[in-house]
Protein backbone atom coordinates (compact mmCIF):
# COMPACT_ATOMS: atom_id res chain seq x y z
CA UNK A 1 88.21 138.08 54.52
CA UNK A 2 91.72 138.61 54.43
CA UNK A 3 94.30 136.60 52.54
CA UNK A 4 97.89 136.87 54.07
CA UNK A 5 101.34 137.07 51.78
CA UNK A 6 98.68 136.41 48.60
CA UNK A 7 98.68 139.08 46.18
CA UNK A 8 99.37 137.76 42.76
CA UNK A 9 101.88 141.42 42.28
CA UNK A 10 103.70 142.02 45.49
CA UNK A 11 103.77 138.66 46.45
CA UNK A 12 103.76 139.90 50.06
CA UNK A 13 100.75 142.01 50.07
CA UNK A 14 97.04 140.81 51.89
CA UNK A 15 94.62 141.15 49.34
CA UNK A 16 90.78 141.17 51.03
CA UNK A 17 88.19 139.86 49.72
CA UNK A 18 85.48 142.37 50.42
CA UNK A 19 82.48 143.78 48.52
CA UNK A 20 80.56 146.94 47.57
CA UNK A 21 77.56 148.53 45.57
CA UNK A 22 78.80 147.95 42.97
CA UNK A 23 79.79 144.04 43.66
CA UNK A 24 82.54 141.80 45.27
CA UNK A 25 86.02 142.26 44.58
CA UNK A 26 89.62 141.19 45.67
CA UNK A 27 92.14 144.07 46.44
CA UNK A 28 95.73 144.10 47.70
CA UNK A 29 95.83 146.28 50.53
CA UNK A 30 99.62 146.84 50.38
CA UNK A 31 100.33 147.22 46.39
CA UNK A 32 96.29 148.66 45.18
CA UNK A 33 96.10 145.04 43.26
CA UNK A 34 92.44 145.23 42.43
CA UNK A 35 89.85 142.16 40.74
CA UNK A 36 86.26 142.89 40.65
CA UNK A 37 84.80 139.00 41.49
CA UNK A 38 81.63 137.15 40.80
CA UNK A 39 79.17 137.90 43.42
CA UNK A 40 78.95 135.23 45.47
CA UNK A 41 82.23 133.41 44.79
CA UNK A 42 83.97 130.47 48.32
CA UNK A 43 86.94 130.72 49.45
CA UNK A 44 88.32 128.38 47.78
CA UNK A 45 87.33 130.27 44.21
CA UNK A 46 89.58 133.23 44.90
CA UNK A 47 92.35 130.89 46.48
CA UNK A 48 92.62 129.41 42.58
CA UNK A 49 91.71 132.03 40.98
CA UNK A 50 95.18 134.44 42.66
CA UNK A 51 97.60 131.49 42.02
CA UNK A 52 95.87 131.34 38.53
CA UNK A 53 96.49 135.48 38.29
CA UNK A 54 99.82 135.11 40.05
CA UNK A 55 101.23 132.78 36.75
CA UNK A 56 98.86 135.68 34.43
CA UNK A 57 101.66 138.03 35.80
CA UNK A 58 105.35 135.69 35.72
CA UNK A 59 104.38 134.62 32.92
CA UNK A 60 104.72 137.57 30.91
CA UNK A 61 108.14 138.71 30.40
CA UNK A 62 110.44 138.84 27.57
CA UNK A 63 111.39 135.22 25.78
CA UNK A 64 115.27 136.70 25.96
CA UNK A 65 116.78 139.26 26.74
CA UNK A 66 117.05 140.63 22.51
CA UNK A 67 113.46 141.10 23.55
CA UNK A 68 113.86 143.65 25.97
CA UNK A 69 114.64 147.46 24.31
């Protein structure tokens, strides 16, 4: 299944929900962002995970400009 403009890393990328011999995964077709998933995850659960991953990536900013070297 494809999720358009839902990549937590590049924001505009299409995320593919698929599985192979190693199990289920979600991968951005634009930037290559990839995460392993538990088997049998639903589309609603994946949407929640994508939002949580986006929040995690956005939260990794320095607290002040002085923290940047």
